[in-house]
Protein backbone atom coordinates (compact mmCIF):
# COMPACT_ATOMS: atom_id res chain seq x y z
CA MET A 1 75.62 43.74 -16.83
CA LYS A 2 71.52 44.22 -15.81
CA ARG A 3 68.80 44.06 -17.88
CA ILE A 4 64.93 44.68 -18.04
CA LYS A 5 62.47 43.45 -20.01
CA ARG A 6 61.02 44.91 -22.52
CA PHE A 7 59.22 43.33 -25.09
CA THR A 8 57.04 40.07 -24.35
CA PRO A 9 57.96 36.88 -26.12
CA ALA A 10 54.23 37.47 -27.86
CA GLN A 11 55.31 41.07 -28.60
CA ARG A 12 58.32 40.34 -30.15
CA LEU A 13 57.11 37.45 -32.51
CA PHE A 14 54.13 40.09 -33.40
CA HIS A 15 57.01 42.25 -34.98
CA LEU A 16 59.14 39.28 -36.43
CA ILE A 17 55.54 38.23 -38.13
CA LEU A 18 55.11 42.05 -39.66
CA MET A 19 58.99 42.61 -40.22
CA LEU A 20 59.15 39.56 -42.62
CA SER A 21 55.40 39.54 -44.20
CA PHE A 22 56.14 43.83 -44.64
CA VAL A 23 59.28 43.15 -46.54
CA PHE A 24 57.90 39.77 -48.35
CA GLN A 25 55.05 41.84 -49.57
CA SER A 26 57.30 44.97 -50.45
CA VAL A 27 59.61 42.66 -52.32
CA SER A 28 56.53 41.47 -54.31
CA GLY A 29 55.07 44.28 -54.86
CA LEU A 30 57.98 46.00 -56.10
CA ALA A 31 57.88 43.95 -58.81
CA ARG A 32 54.70 44.32 -60.01
CA MET A 33 54.98 47.69 -59.58
CA TYR A 34 58.15 47.72 -62.01
CA VAL A 35 57.86 44.89 -63.90
CA GLY A 36 58.61 47.18 -66.71
CA THR A 37 62.35 47.25 -65.46
CA GLU A 38 65.03 44.78 -65.39
CA TRP A 39 65.25 45.51 -62.00
CA GLY A 40 61.38 44.87 -61.76
CA LEU A 41 61.42 41.45 -63.47
CA PHE A 42 64.19 40.15 -61.47
CA LEU A 43 62.23 40.77 -58.18
CA ALA A 44 59.29 38.75 -60.30
CA ASN A 45 61.46 35.97 -61.28
CA LEU A 46 62.64 35.72 -57.92
CA PHE A 47 58.86 33.77 -57.53
CA GLY A 48 58.74 32.54 -60.90
CA GLY A 49 57.57 35.17 -62.92
CA PHE A 50 54.82 38.67 -62.87
CA GLN A 51 51.58 35.56 -62.24
CA GLU A 52 53.18 33.86 -59.52
CA THR A 53 54.42 36.92 -57.48
CA LEU A 54 50.93 38.31 -57.26
CA ILE A 55 49.31 35.20 -56.63
CA LEU A 56 51.63 35.41 -53.74
CA HIS A 57 51.30 38.64 -52.45
CA LYS A 58 47.82 38.04 -52.65
CA TRP A 59 48.32 35.38 -50.27
CA VAL A 60 50.94 36.81 -47.79
CA GLY A 61 48.41 39.97 -47.65
CA LEU A 62 45.64 37.68 -46.51
CA PHE A 63 48.16 36.60 -44.38
CA MET A 64 49.19 39.92 -42.70
CA LEU A 65 45.24 40.44 -42.16
CA THR A 66 44.89 37.51 -40.22
CA GLY A 67 47.96 37.95 -38.43
CA PHE A 68 46.52 41.16 -37.94
CA GLY A 69 43.56 40.14 -36.18
CA VAL A 70 44.86 37.61 -34.32
CA HIS A 71 46.91 40.55 -32.55
CA LEU A 72 43.54 42.29 -32.08
CA LEU A 73 42.67 39.10 -30.16
CA TYR A 74 45.38 39.66 -28.20
CA ILE A 75 45.14 42.90 -27.50
CA LEU A 76 41.52 42.58 -26.17
CA ILE A 77 42.49 39.38 -23.93
CA LYS A 78 45.52 41.57 -22.36
CA ILE A 79 42.73 44.52 -21.51
CA ASP A 80 42.07 44.46 -17.88
CA TRP A 81 38.45 45.06 -18.13
CA ARG A 82 37.86 45.28 -14.32
CA ARG A 83 39.96 48.73 -14.44
CA PHE A 84 38.69 49.72 -17.79
CA PRO A 85 38.77 52.44 -19.25
CA LYS A 86 41.82 53.49 -17.20
CA SER A 87 43.65 51.07 -17.86
CA VAL A 88 44.09 51.40 -21.40
CA TYR A 89 45.37 55.26 -20.86
CA GLY A 90 47.55 54.38 -18.28
CA PRO A 91 51.71 54.89 -19.05
CA ASP A 92 51.92 51.47 -20.22
CA SER A 93 49.48 52.11 -23.26
CA LEU A 94 50.47 52.84 -26.45
CA LEU A 95 47.15 55.08 -26.57
CA PRO A 96 48.25 58.54 -27.43
CA ARG A 97 48.53 61.52 -24.25
CA LEU A 98 48.90 65.21 -23.85
CA GLU A 99 52.14 64.00 -22.52
CA ASP A 100 53.38 63.05 -25.90
CA ALA A 101 53.17 66.12 -27.59
CA SER A 102 55.06 68.30 -24.91
CA GLN A 103 57.76 66.22 -25.06
CA ALA A 104 58.00 66.00 -28.57
CA LEU A 105 58.30 69.43 -28.08
CA GLN A 106 61.37 69.29 -25.60
CA HIS A 107 62.63 66.53 -27.78
CA ALA A 108 62.87 68.64 -30.64
CA LYS A 109 64.40 71.62 -28.23
CA TRP A 110 66.82 68.81 -26.78
CA MET A 111 67.85 67.79 -30.58
CA VAL A 112 68.83 71.68 -30.98
CA GLY A 113 70.75 72.51 -27.47
CA MET A 114 67.64 74.27 -26.18
CA SER A 115 66.23 70.96 -23.52
CA GLU A 116 67.26 69.01 -21.17
CA TRP A 117 66.53 65.07 -22.48
CA PRO A 118 62.72 64.55 -21.75
CA ARG A 119 61.44 62.43 -19.48
CA PHE A 120 60.04 59.12 -21.04
CA ASP A 121 58.37 56.42 -19.91
CA ARG A 122 57.54 53.01 -21.33
CA TRP A 123 57.23 54.65 -24.80
CA GLY A 124 58.08 57.38 -26.78
CA TYR A 125 55.97 59.44 -28.92
CA TRP A 126 57.85 57.95 -32.21
CA GLU A 127 56.85 54.48 -31.09
CA LYS A 128 53.37 55.36 -30.31
CA PHE A 129 53.32 57.02 -33.78
CA ASP A 130 55.49 54.04 -35.21
CA TYR A 131 52.31 51.93 -33.76
CA TRP A 132 49.30 53.46 -35.16
CA ALA A 133 50.93 54.31 -38.70
CA VAL A 134 50.86 50.44 -38.76
CA THR A 135 47.91 49.78 -37.56
CA TRP A 136 46.73 52.27 -40.36
CA GLY A 137 48.70 51.29 -42.90
CA ILE A 138 47.18 47.41 -42.51
CA CYS A 139 44.17 49.07 -42.70
CA VAL A 140 44.01 51.10 -45.76
CA LEU A 141 46.23 48.10 -47.63
CA GLY A 142 44.44 45.07 -46.37
CA GLY A 143 41.03 47.15 -47.17
CA THR A 144 41.61 48.16 -50.74
CA GLY A 145 43.83 44.50 -51.18
CA LEU A 146 40.25 42.73 -50.58
CA LEU A 147 38.92 44.32 -53.37
CA LEU A 148 41.61 44.00 -55.82
CA TYR A 149 41.87 40.25 -54.74
CA LEU A 150 38.67 39.51 -56.68
CA PRO A 151 38.26 42.66 -58.73
CA VAL A 152 34.99 41.41 -60.82
CA TYR A 153 33.29 40.60 -57.88
CA SER A 154 34.23 43.47 -56.09
CA SER A 155 32.93 45.10 -59.58
CA LEU A 156 29.04 43.32 -59.19
CA TYR A 157 29.40 46.51 -55.98
CA MET A 158 31.29 49.15 -57.84
CA PRO A 159 31.87 50.92 -60.80
CA GLY A 160 35.03 49.90 -62.43
CA TRP A 161 36.42 53.73 -62.27
CA VAL A 162 36.08 53.54 -58.16
CA LEU A 163 38.70 50.33 -58.27
CA ASN A 164 41.17 52.00 -60.43
CA ILE A 165 41.12 54.54 -57.70
CA VAL A 166 41.91 52.30 -55.09
CA LEU A 167 44.28 50.51 -56.96
CA TRP A 168 46.20 54.13 -56.42
CA VAL A 169 45.28 54.61 -52.84
CA HIS A 170 46.96 50.98 -52.12
CA ARG A 171 49.99 52.00 -53.72
CA ILE A 172 50.47 55.45 -52.67
CA GLU A 173 49.99 54.08 -48.99
CA ALA A 174 52.40 51.19 -49.94
CA ILE A 175 54.92 53.83 -51.18
CA LEU A 176 53.71 55.38 -48.18
CA ALA A 177 54.79 52.96 -45.75
CA MET A 178 58.16 51.26 -47.33
CA ALA A 179 59.38 55.22 -47.26
CA HIS A 180 58.53 55.50 -43.41
CA VAL A 181 59.84 51.97 -42.47
CA PHE A 182 63.10 51.90 -45.10
CA ILE A 183 63.76 55.68 -43.98
CA ILE A 184 62.35 56.86 -40.50
CA HIS A 185 62.06 53.39 -38.78
CA LEU A 186 65.39 52.02 -39.35
CA PHE A 187 66.86 55.73 -38.56
CA ILE A 188 64.91 55.90 -35.36
CA GLY A 189 65.27 52.17 -34.55
CA HIS A 190 68.56 51.56 -34.86
CA LEU A 191 71.23 54.46 -37.03
CA ARG A 192 70.99 57.21 -34.05
CA ARG A 193 74.37 57.30 -31.99
CA HIS A 194 72.39 55.70 -29.19
CA ASN A 195 71.38 52.52 -31.06
CA PHE A 196 74.20 52.32 -33.68
CA PRO A 197 74.47 49.78 -35.25
CA MET A 198 71.53 48.44 -34.01
CA ASP A 199 69.07 48.11 -31.29
CA LEU A 200 68.08 44.75 -30.32
CA ALA A 201 65.64 44.94 -27.87
CA MET A 202 62.52 43.58 -29.85
CA PHE A 203 65.09 40.57 -30.82
CA GLU A 204 66.00 39.43 -27.48
CA GLY A 205 63.16 41.54 -25.49
CA SER A 206 65.52 42.82 -22.55
CA VAL A 207 68.01 46.49 -22.58
CA ASP A 208 70.34 47.33 -20.74
CA LEU A 209 69.30 48.92 -17.30
CA GLU A 210 71.54 51.57 -17.10
CA LYS A 211 70.54 52.30 -20.67
CA VAL A 212 66.99 52.48 -19.93
CA ARG A 213 67.35 55.25 -16.89
CA HIS A 214 68.70 57.39 -19.29
CA GLU A 215 66.55 56.86 -22.57
CA ARG A 216 63.09 56.10 -20.30
CA PRO A 217 63.98 57.56 -16.41
CA ASP A 218 60.20 58.52 -15.44
CA TRP A 219 59.67 54.45 -16.56
CA VAL A 220 62.23 52.76 -14.39
CA ASP A 221 61.87 55.67 -11.46
CA ARG A 222 57.73 54.36 -11.97
CA LEU A 223 58.76 50.51 -11.52
CA GLU A 224 60.77 51.11 -8.89
CA LYS A 225 57.87 53.43 -6.97
CA GLU A 226 55.40 50.10 -7.70
CA GLY A 227 58.17 47.64 -6.72
CA LYS A 228 58.01 46.08 -9.99
CA LEU A 229 61.77 46.48 -10.67
CA GLN A 230 63.36 43.53 -9.58
CA GLU A 231 60.25 41.46 -11.43
CA ALA A 232 60.84 43.25 -14.55
CA MET A 233 65.24 42.38 -14.35
CA VAL A 234 66.12 39.36 -16.82
CA ASP A 235 69.40 37.67 -17.36
CA ASN A 236 71.69 38.27 -20.46
CA PRO A 237 70.74 36.62 -23.78
CA PRO A 238 73.94 33.73 -24.60
CA VAL A 239 75.65 35.30 -26.94
CA SER A 240 75.86 32.68 -29.59
CA PHE A 241 71.90 34.61 -29.52
CA ARG A 242 72.77 38.16 -29.60
CA ILE A 243 75.15 36.93 -32.96
CA ALA A 244 72.38 35.52 -34.53
CA CYS A 245 70.40 38.34 -33.76
CA TYR A 246 73.26 41.03 -35.14
CA ILE A 247 73.05 39.02 -38.49
CA PHE A 248 69.60 38.27 -39.09
CA GLY A 249 69.28 42.46 -38.06
CA PHE A 250 71.83 43.53 -40.58
CA LEU A 251 70.31 40.72 -43.40
CA MET A 252 67.08 42.69 -43.49
CA ILE A 253 68.25 46.55 -42.59
CA SER A 254 70.55 45.76 -45.80
CA GLY A 255 67.67 44.39 -47.87
CA CYS A 256 65.29 46.90 -46.75
CA LEU A 257 68.04 49.57 -48.42
CA TYR A 258 68.26 47.59 -50.97
CA LEU A 259 65.19 48.05 -51.98
CA LEU A 260 65.11 51.49 -50.98
CA VAL A 261 68.58 52.62 -53.51
CA ASN A 262 66.89 50.70 -56.19
CA SER A 263 63.39 51.68 -55.75
CA LEU A 264 64.43 55.07 -56.03
CA SER A 265 67.40 55.14 -59.31
CA ASN A 266 64.71 52.98 -61.44
CA ALA A 267 61.84 55.29 -60.30
CA ARG A 268 62.39 56.96 -64.11
CA GLY A 269 61.63 53.56 -65.61
CA LEU A 270 58.26 53.70 -63.89
CA PHE A 271 57.38 56.05 -66.94
CA GLY A 272 58.99 54.93 -69.49
């Protein structure tokens, strides 16, 4: 089976670090938010108690911000500055383009049988949305988190009521981020008919060529015209590695669904 390289080792590593740290922050954040419920106490006790959970939440938050900074540095290094700004607006870029809007509309029509499947290139509009949603989320959560990291120091430069607003912005953005990841991202990434039961592309780094020809025909056509398709071909990953990816992936998906279901079922406890 022929396979095409979709993600580099660095991109897969960034995703893995982001995924693990996000899930940890979700667990520790929900433990604090639901601390008045039995479920919240259970989550907090996993880390040794409420205070320990708060400390770990802060440190992992700093780790996420550091990783985000490294990611930005990685992007700056990868940009072809000799062809700038054209190099950041091409089909391999995650920057939104006008074609994304038309493809999103055509995709919506396809879902109701009114159009053919859009001719996507390397990135679909939903993937670009995911990327920039994460970027926005880290900036908002990171910025508000830093202000809350040392509230006494922050209060030297702003009144206390501003920190109360910052706390709610932090929580609301966290809820939106978890809702997006636990519902929309998981469904699009793994539970669609094309990907079910799991899309291993981000773990394995490669995808079946025939699948890509169907889902992203313009990408394959472009690589063929540029003479780069053969260069992008890779070997099949070992079966043992694929099994390990499935096990790890199912554990992560199950954990996210567990957090989603219990967050909803215990929501009444937030209000007494």
